[in-house]
């Protein structure tokens, strides 16, 4: 898996259930809180320093997601309801990202992620993903969504590229 990840140009991430533990806390006036894994965030930042494009694709617009991605410096954030495969392909075209979908990986967790999985080169599900999604992927993480699954995948990316993440801290 490390060797396959070494060749990707973009990593597409679902949010709820991948970057979070699939829970949303809603308070008065629809105030929303999400719990993100700090190690996932660190590896996202370090991977972007290698030139990897990180793309967030969520069918659920959320101020919490917007805020977290801004903190991490992620510039490709799609938060729109619809077919994820179509939305990502349209986004790549509109932003003139010259990345072939075969050079992308996607980490998902639920059945609405299946349409996007059909378009990417490397299909990944978190450990606690929906069984129908697990059935169509190339790799299932050891970690659960929101508990370091993204860090796990990016550690494999670094390994495949023969990079020590600690060396990227100083950049």
C-alpha atoms as a PDB file:
ATOM      1  CA  UNK A   1       0.000   0.000   0.000  1.00  0.00           C
ATOM      2  CA  UNK A   2       2.866   2.385   0.776  1.00  0.00           C
ATOM      3  CA  UNK A   3       4.214   1.934  -2.757  1.00  0.00           C
ATOM      4  CA  UNK A   4       0.782   2.660  -4.277  1.00  0.00           C
ATOM      5  CA  UNK A   5       0.275   5.747  -2.112  1.00  0.00           C
ATOM      6  CA  UNK A   6       3.708   7.087  -3.072  1.00  0.00           C
ATOM      7  CA  UNK A   7       2.419   7.710  -6.597  1.00  0.00           C
ATOM      8  CA  UNK A   8      -0.658   9.744  -5.755  1.00  0.00           C
ATOM      9  CA  UNK A   9      -0.877  13.473  -6.496  1.00  0.00           C
ATOM     10  CA  UNK A  10      -4.044  14.163  -4.497  1.00  0.00           C
ATOM     11  CA  UNK A  11      -5.750  12.699  -1.448  1.00  0.00           C
ATOM     12  CA  UNK A  12      -9.481  13.287  -1.215  1.00  0.00           C
ATOM     13  CA  UNK A  13     -10.964  13.072   2.266  1.00  0.00           C
ATOM     14  CA  UNK A  14     -14.528  12.739   3.451  1.00  0.00           C
ATOM     15  CA  UNK A  15     -15.162  14.577   6.718  1.00  0.00           C
ATOM     16  CA  UNK A  16     -17.861  13.016   8.893  1.00  0.00           C
ATOM     17  CA  UNK A  17     -16.735   9.524   9.819  1.00  0.00           C
ATOM     18  CA  UNK A  18     -13.235   9.937   8.356  1.00  0.00           C
ATOM     19  CA  UNK A  19     -11.759  13.121   9.824  1.00  0.00           C
ATOM     20  CA  UNK A  20     -14.276  12.935  12.683  1.00  0.00           C
ATOM     21  CA  UNK A  21     -15.680  10.057  14.700  1.00  0.00           C
ATOM     22  CA  UNK A  22     -19.015  10.377  12.840  1.00  0.00           C
ATOM     23  CA  UNK A  23     -20.635  12.324  15.677  1.00  0.00           C
ATOM     24  CA  UNK A  24     -21.933  15.884  15.512  1.00  0.00           C
ATOM     25  CA  UNK A  25     -22.781  17.911  18.570  1.00  0.00           C
ATOM     26  CA  UNK A  26     -25.596  20.402  17.963  1.00  0.00           C
ATOM     27  CA  UNK A  27     -26.426  23.118  20.479  1.00  0.00           C
ATOM     28  CA  UNK A  28     -28.837  26.036  20.599  1.00  0.00           C
ATOM     29  CA  UNK A  29     -29.322  27.952  17.353  1.00  0.00           C
ATOM     30  CA  UNK A  30     -27.813  24.976  15.474  1.00  0.00           C
ATOM     31  CA  UNK A  31     -24.339  25.677  16.895  1.00  0.00           C
ATOM     32  CA  UNK A  32     -22.234  22.721  15.772  1.00  0.00           C
ATOM     33  CA  UNK A  33     -19.139  21.127  17.258  1.00  0.00           C
ATOM     34  CA  UNK A  34     -17.077  18.362  15.662  1.00  0.00           C
ATOM     35  CA  UNK A  35     -14.140  16.456  17.123  1.00  0.00           C
ATOM     36  CA  UNK A  36     -11.119  16.197  14.793  1.00  0.00           C
ATOM     37  CA  UNK A  37      -8.065  13.995  15.420  1.00  0.00           C
ATOM     38  CA  UNK A  38      -5.015  16.231  15.964  1.00  0.00           C
ATOM     39  CA  UNK A  39      -2.585  13.665  14.484  1.00  0.00           C
ATOM     40  CA  UNK A  40      -4.605  13.534  11.279  1.00  0.00           C
ATOM     41  CA  UNK A  41      -4.253  17.310  11.073  1.00  0.00           C
ATOM     42  CA  UNK A  42      -0.493  17.211  11.604  1.00  0.00           C
ATOM     43  CA  UNK A  43       0.029  14.662   8.840  1.00  0.00           C
ATOM     44  CA  UNK A  44      -2.257  16.622   6.510  1.00  0.00           C
ATOM     45  CA  UNK A  45      -0.066  19.707   6.986  1.00  0.00           C
ATOM     46  CA  UNK A  46       3.164  17.724   6.555  1.00  0.00           C
ATOM     47  CA  UNK A  47       1.882  15.940   3.442  1.00  0.00           C
ATOM     48  CA  UNK A  48       0.958  19.256   1.812  1.00  0.00           C
ATOM     49  CA  UNK A  49       4.604  20.299   2.322  1.00  0.00           C
ATOM     50  CA  UNK A  50       5.574  17.450  -0.029  1.00  0.00           C
ATOM     51  CA  UNK A  51       3.274  18.833  -2.735  1.00  0.00           C
ATOM     52  CA  UNK A  52       0.380  16.453  -2.116  1.00  0.00           C
ATOM     53  CA  UNK A  53      -2.945  18.137  -2.823  1.00  0.00           C
ATOM     54  CA  UNK A  54      -5.465  17.561  -0.046  1.00  0.00           C
ATOM     55  CA  UNK A  55      -9.084  17.823  -1.172  1.00  0.00           C
ATOM     56  CA  UNK A  56     -11.985  17.801   1.281  1.00  0.00           C
ATOM     57  CA  UNK A  57     -15.277  16.450  -0.092  1.00  0.00           C
ATOM     58  CA  UNK A  58     -18.301  16.563   2.173  1.00  0.00           C
ATOM     59  CA  UNK A  59     -21.963  16.440   1.246  1.00  0.00           C
ATOM     60  CA  UNK A  60     -22.686  18.355   4.439  1.00  0.00           C
ATOM     61  CA  UNK A  61     -21.658  22.038   4.621  1.00  0.00           C
ATOM     62  CA  UNK A  62     -20.350  22.851   8.091  1.00  0.00           C
ATOM     63  CA  UNK A  63     -18.765  25.938   9.665  1.00  0.00           C
ATOM     64  CA  UNK A  64     -16.754  23.597  11.908  1.00  0.00           C
ATOM     65  CA  UNK A  65     -15.227  21.902   8.859  1.00  0.00           C
ATOM     66  CA  UNK A  66     -14.514  25.251   7.206  1.00  0.00           C
ATOM     67  CA  UNK A  67     -12.762  26.476  10.345  1.00  0.00           C
ATOM     68  CA  UNK A  68     -10.642  23.338  10.783  1.00  0.00           C
ATOM     69  CA  UNK A  69      -9.543  23.259   7.150  1.00  0.00           C
ATOM     70  CA  UNK A  70      -8.619  26.943   7.308  1.00  0.00           C
ATOM     71  CA  UNK A  71      -6.509  26.240  10.405  1.00  0.00           C
ATOM     72  CA  UNK A  72      -4.704  23.465   8.534  1.00  0.00           C
ATOM     73  CA  UNK A  73      -4.217  25.513   5.374  1.00  0.00           C
ATOM     74  CA  UNK A  74      -6.242  23.147   3.192  1.00  0.00           C
ATOM     75  CA  UNK A  75      -7.239  25.155   0.136  1.00  0.00           C
ATOM     76  CA  UNK A  76      -9.424  22.604  -1.671  1.00  0.00           C
ATOM     77  CA  UNK A  77     -12.661  22.293   0.299  1.00  0.00           C
ATOM     78  CA  UNK A  78     -15.877  21.134  -1.353  1.00  0.00           C
ATOM     79  CA  UNK A  79     -18.941  21.175   0.891  1.00  0.00           C
ATOM     80  CA  UNK A  80     -21.928  20.585  -1.311  1.00  0.00           C
ATOM     81  CA  UNK A  81     -24.725  18.045  -1.551  1.00  0.00           C
ATOM     82  CA  UNK A  82     -24.657  15.834  -4.624  1.00  0.00           C
ATOM     83  CA  UNK A  83     -22.805  13.063  -6.413  1.00  0.00           C
ATOM     84  CA  UNK A  84     -19.310  13.226  -4.927  1.00  0.00           C
ATOM     85  CA  UNK A  85     -17.656  11.835  -8.055  1.00  0.00           C
ATOM     86  CA  UNK A  86     -19.234  14.471 -10.281  1.00  0.00           C
ATOM     87  CA  UNK A  87     -18.578  17.270  -7.785  1.00  0.00           C
ATOM     88  CA  UNK A  88     -14.884  16.422  -7.452  1.00  0.00           C
ATOM     89  CA  UNK A  89     -14.359  16.103 -11.207  1.00  0.00           C
ATOM     90  CA  UNK A  90     -16.103  19.467 -11.777  1.00  0.00           C
ATOM     91  CA  UNK A  91     -13.984  21.059  -9.036  1.00  0.00           C
ATOM     92  CA  UNK A  92     -10.719  19.746 -10.530  1.00  0.00           C
ATOM     93  CA  UNK A  93     -11.743  21.126 -13.928  1.00  0.00           C
ATOM     94  CA  UNK A  94     -12.883  24.513 -12.548  1.00  0.00           C
ATOM     95  CA  UNK A  95      -9.696  24.961 -10.458  1.00  0.00           C
ATOM     96  CA  UNK A  96      -7.564  23.706 -13.359  1.00  0.00           C
ATOM     97  CA  UNK A  97      -5.981  21.008 -11.203  1.00  0.00           C
ATOM     98  CA  UNK A  98      -3.995  18.987 -13.691  1.00  0.00           C
ATOM     99  CA  UNK A  99      -4.349  15.758 -11.770  1.00  0.00           C
ATOM    100  CA  UNK A 100      -5.682  12.645 -13.426  1.00  0.00           C
ATOM    101  CA  UNK A 101      -8.261  10.907 -11.240  1.00  0.00           C
ATOM    102  CA  UNK A 102      -6.131   7.766 -11.542  1.00  0.00           C
ATOM    103  CA  UNK A 103      -3.490   9.656  -9.522  1.00  0.00           C
ATOM    104  CA  UNK A 104      -5.875  10.298  -6.645  1.00  0.00           C
ATOM    105  CA  UNK A 105      -6.804   8.375  -3.519  1.00  0.00           C
ATOM    106  CA  UNK A 106     -10.017   8.787  -1.556  1.00  0.00           C
ATOM    107  CA  UNK A 107     -10.769   7.870   2.046  1.00  0.00           C
ATOM    108  CA  UNK A 108     -14.452   7.357   2.793  1.00  0.00           C
ATOM    109  CA  UNK A 109     -16.744   5.670   5.265  1.00  0.00           C
ATOM    110  CA  UNK A 110     -20.287   5.354   3.942  1.00  0.00           C
ATOM    111  CA  UNK A 111     -22.433   4.376   0.965  1.00  0.00           C
ATOM    112  CA  UNK A 112     -22.606   7.930  -0.414  1.00  0.00           C
ATOM    113  CA  UNK A 113     -18.833   7.631  -0.976  1.00  0.00           C
ATOM    114  CA  UNK A 114     -19.185   4.756  -3.448  1.00  0.00           C
ATOM    115  CA  UNK A 115     -19.800   6.979  -6.526  1.00  0.00           C
ATOM    116  CA  UNK A 116     -16.516   8.834  -5.921  1.00  0.00           C
ATOM    117  CA  UNK A 117     -14.660   5.575  -5.279  1.00  0.00           C
ATOM    118  CA  UNK A 118     -15.513   4.558  -8.860  1.00  0.00           C
ATOM    119  CA  UNK A 119     -13.451   7.489 -10.207  1.00  0.00           C
ATOM    120  CA  UNK A 120     -10.241   7.375  -8.144  1.00  0.00           C
ATOM    121  CA  UNK A 121      -7.082   5.349  -8.563  1.00  0.00           C
ATOM    122  CA  UNK A 122      -6.824   4.201  -4.948  1.00  0.00           C
ATOM    123  CA  UNK A 123      -9.898   3.438  -2.850  1.00  0.00           C
ATOM    124  CA  UNK A 124      -9.593   3.481   0.951  1.00  0.00           C
ATOM    125  CA  UNK A 125     -12.165   2.952   3.710  1.00  0.00           C
ATOM    126  CA  UNK A 126     -11.778   3.581   7.419  1.00  0.00           C
ATOM    127  CA  UNK A 127     -11.999   0.549   9.680  1.00  0.00           C
ATOM    128  CA  UNK A 128     -15.536   1.285  10.869  1.00  0.00           C
ATOM    129  CA  UNK A 129     -16.868   2.032   7.381  1.00  0.00           C
ATOM    130  CA  UNK A 130     -20.152   0.736   6.050  1.00  0.00           C
ATOM    131  CA  UNK A 131     -19.726  -2.899   4.834  1.00  0.00           C
ATOM    132  CA  UNK A 132     -20.885  -2.095   1.278  1.00  0.00           C
ATOM    133  CA  UNK A 133     -18.102   0.479   0.983  1.00  0.00           C
ATOM    134  CA  UNK A 134     -15.461  -1.860   2.404  1.00  0.00           C
ATOM    135  CA  UNK A 135     -16.414  -4.348  -0.319  1.00  0.00           C
ATOM    136  CA  UNK A 136     -15.250  -1.998  -3.118  1.00  0.00           C
ATOM    137  CA  UNK A 137     -11.989  -0.606  -1.715  1.00  0.00           C
ATOM    138  CA  UNK A 138      -8.312  -1.460  -2.093  1.00  0.00           C
ATOM    139  CA  UNK A 139      -7.424  -0.884   1.557  1.00  0.00           C
ATOM    140  CA  UNK A 140      -9.203  -0.721   4.911  1.00  0.00           C
ATOM    141  CA  UNK A 141      -7.422   1.185   7.664  1.00  0.00           C
ATOM    142  CA  UNK A 142      -6.591  -0.369  11.009  1.00  0.00           C
ATOM    143  CA  UNK A 143      -7.778   2.809  12.749  1.00  0.00           C
ATOM    144  CA  UNK A 144     -11.373   3.982  12.905  1.00  0.00           C
ATOM    145  CA  UNK A 145     -12.534   7.243  11.394  1.00  0.00           C
ATOM    146  CA  UNK A 146     -11.726  10.217  13.624  1.00  0.00           C
ATOM    147  CA  UNK A 147      -9.193   8.097  15.532  1.00  0.00           C
ATOM    148  CA  UNK A 148      -6.095   8.461  13.364  1.00  0.00           C
ATOM    149  CA  UNK A 149      -7.147   6.692  10.149  1.00  0.00           C
ATOM    150  CA  UNK A 150      -5.982   9.608   7.981  1.00  0.00           C
ATOM    151  CA  UNK A 151      -2.668   9.747   9.840  1.00  0.00           C
ATOM    152  CA  UNK A 152      -2.258   6.013   9.240  1.00  0.00           C
ATOM    153  CA  UNK A 153      -2.747   6.436   5.487  1.00  0.00           C
ATOM    154  CA  UNK A 154      -0.418   9.430   5.331  1.00  0.00           C
ATOM    155  CA  UNK A 155       2.236   7.541   7.317  1.00  0.00           C
ATOM    156  CA  UNK A 156       2.095   4.927   4.537  1.00  0.00           C
ATOM    157  CA  UNK A 157       2.363   7.721   1.944  1.00  0.00           C
ATOM    158  CA  UNK A 158       5.514   9.028   3.679  1.00  0.00           C
ATOM    159  CA  UNK A 159       6.934   5.502   3.920  1.00  0.00           C
ATOM    160  CA  UNK A 160       6.303   4.897   0.222  1.00  0.00           C
ATOM    161  CA  UNK A 161       8.057   8.153  -0.665  1.00  0.00           C
ATOM    162  CA  UNK A 162      10.886   7.365   1.783  1.00  0.00           C
ATOM    163  CA  UNK A 163      10.219  10.511   3.784  1.00  0.00           C
ATOM    164  CA  UNK A 164      10.516  10.993   7.508  1.00  0.00           C
ATOM    165  CA  UNK A 165       7.591  13.186   8.639  1.00  0.00           C
ATOM    166  CA  UNK A 166       9.793  14.675  11.372  1.00  0.00           C
ATOM    167  CA  UNK A 167      12.048  16.117   8.635  1.00  0.00           C
ATOM    168  CA  UNK A 168       9.053  18.066   7.311  1.00  0.00           C
ATOM    169  CA  UNK A 169       8.381  19.813  10.629  1.00  0.00           C
ATOM    170  CA  UNK A 170      11.007  22.508  10.044  1.00  0.00           C
ATOM    171  CA  UNK A 171       9.649  23.630   6.678  1.00  0.00           C
END
